[in-house]
Amino acid sequence: MSRLIDTLRWIMNMLRYLIDYLSRLIGAIHPTQLILLSLSLAATVGYGLSSLGRVVFKILMVLFWSLLILFTVKDLLHI
């Protein structure tokens, strides 16, 4: 029982570390770079999905591409 509690504690600490790391990383990355990272991650994950997963994947790809275009235009126009 104590081994289970130690394992759960270790998992919680790893999740806490991951969330802290990602929040610092997101704060240091430009929104366009973050969207490009999301696109590449989504493209990598999207290949092995079921049909419903592929539909959600396509919706996310449209969203990420729209955000990428929006932030690129915003940067070009200095808005």
Protein backbone atom coordinates (compact mmCIF):
# COMPACT_ATOMS: atom_id res chain seq x y z
CA MET A 1 0.00 0.00 0.00
CA SER A 2 2.81 2.41 0.81
CA ARG A 3 4.44 1.59 -2.54
CA LEU A 4 1.21 2.59 -4.31
CA ILE A 5 1.08 5.86 -2.39
CA ASP A 6 4.73 6.55 -3.24
CA THR A 7 4.06 5.84 -6.90
CA LEU A 8 1.03 8.15 -6.92
CA ARG A 9 3.06 10.84 -5.16
CA TRP A 10 5.82 10.48 -7.78
CA ILE A 11 3.28 10.77 -10.62
CA MET A 12 1.77 13.90 -9.07
CA ASN A 13 5.21 15.48 -8.68
CA MET A 14 6.05 14.70 -12.32
CA LEU A 15 2.74 16.22 -13.48
CA ARG A 16 3.34 19.30 -11.33
CA TYR A 17 6.84 19.67 -12.80
CA LEU A 18 5.51 19.23 -16.35
CA ILE A 19 2.78 21.84 -15.86
CA ASP A 20 5.27 24.29 -14.35
CA TYR A 21 7.73 23.72 -17.20
CA LEU A 22 5.06 24.12 -19.88
CA SER A 23 3.70 27.31 -18.32
CA ARG A 24 7.20 28.84 -18.30
CA LEU A 25 7.80 27.65 -21.86
CA ILE A 26 4.52 29.08 -23.13
CA GLY A 27 5.32 32.40 -21.47
CA ALA A 28 8.65 32.58 -23.33
CA ILE A 29 7.39 31.55 -26.76
CA HIS A 30 5.87 33.89 -29.32
CA PRO A 31 2.25 32.96 -30.16
CA THR A 32 3.16 32.15 -33.77
CA GLN A 33 5.84 29.71 -32.62
CA LEU A 34 3.40 28.13 -30.19
CA ILE A 35 0.85 27.60 -32.96
CA LEU A 36 3.51 26.09 -35.24
CA LEU A 37 4.51 23.71 -32.45
CA SER A 38 0.85 22.79 -31.95
CA LEU A 39 0.44 22.16 -35.68
CA SER A 40 3.45 19.87 -35.83
CA LEU A 41 2.32 17.98 -32.72
CA ALA A 42 -1.22 17.63 -34.08
CA ALA A 43 0.10 16.40 -37.43
CA THR A 44 2.25 13.82 -35.68
CA VAL A 45 -0.54 12.56 -33.42
CA GLY A 46 -3.28 12.71 -36.07
CA TYR A 47 -2.09 9.79 -38.18
CA GLY A 48 -3.17 6.93 -35.92
CA LEU A 49 -6.62 8.14 -34.94
CA SER A 50 -10.07 6.64 -35.47
CA SER A 51 -12.57 8.28 -37.83
CA LEU A 52 -13.99 10.48 -35.05
CA GLY A 53 -10.45 11.38 -34.03
CA ARG A 54 -9.66 12.36 -37.62
CA VAL A 55 -12.67 14.69 -37.69
CA VAL A 56 -11.56 16.37 -34.47
CA PHE A 57 -8.02 16.47 -35.84
CA LYS A 58 -9.20 18.28 -39.00
CA ILE A 59 -11.15 20.80 -36.92
CA LEU A 60 -8.09 21.47 -34.77
CA MET A 61 -5.90 21.84 -37.86
CA VAL A 62 -8.29 24.46 -39.29
CA LEU A 63 -8.28 26.27 -35.95
CA PHE A 64 -4.48 26.21 -35.65
CA TRP A 65 -3.97 27.35 -39.26
CA SER A 66 -6.48 30.18 -38.73
CA LEU A 67 -4.65 31.29 -35.60
CA LEU A 68 -1.32 31.09 -37.41
CA ILE A 69 -2.61 33.30 -40.23
CA LEU A 70 -4.17 35.71 -37.73
CA PHE A 71 -0.98 36.12 -35.70
CA THR A 72 1.15 36.39 -38.85
CA VAL A 73 -1.05 39.17 -40.27
CA LYS A 74 -1.09 40.84 -36.86
CA ASP A 75 2.73 40.79 -36.76
CA LEU A 76 3.04 42.06 -40.33
CA LEU A 77 0.62 44.93 -39.73
CA HIS A 78 2.07 45.68 -36.26
CA ILE A 79 -1.37 45.75 -34.67
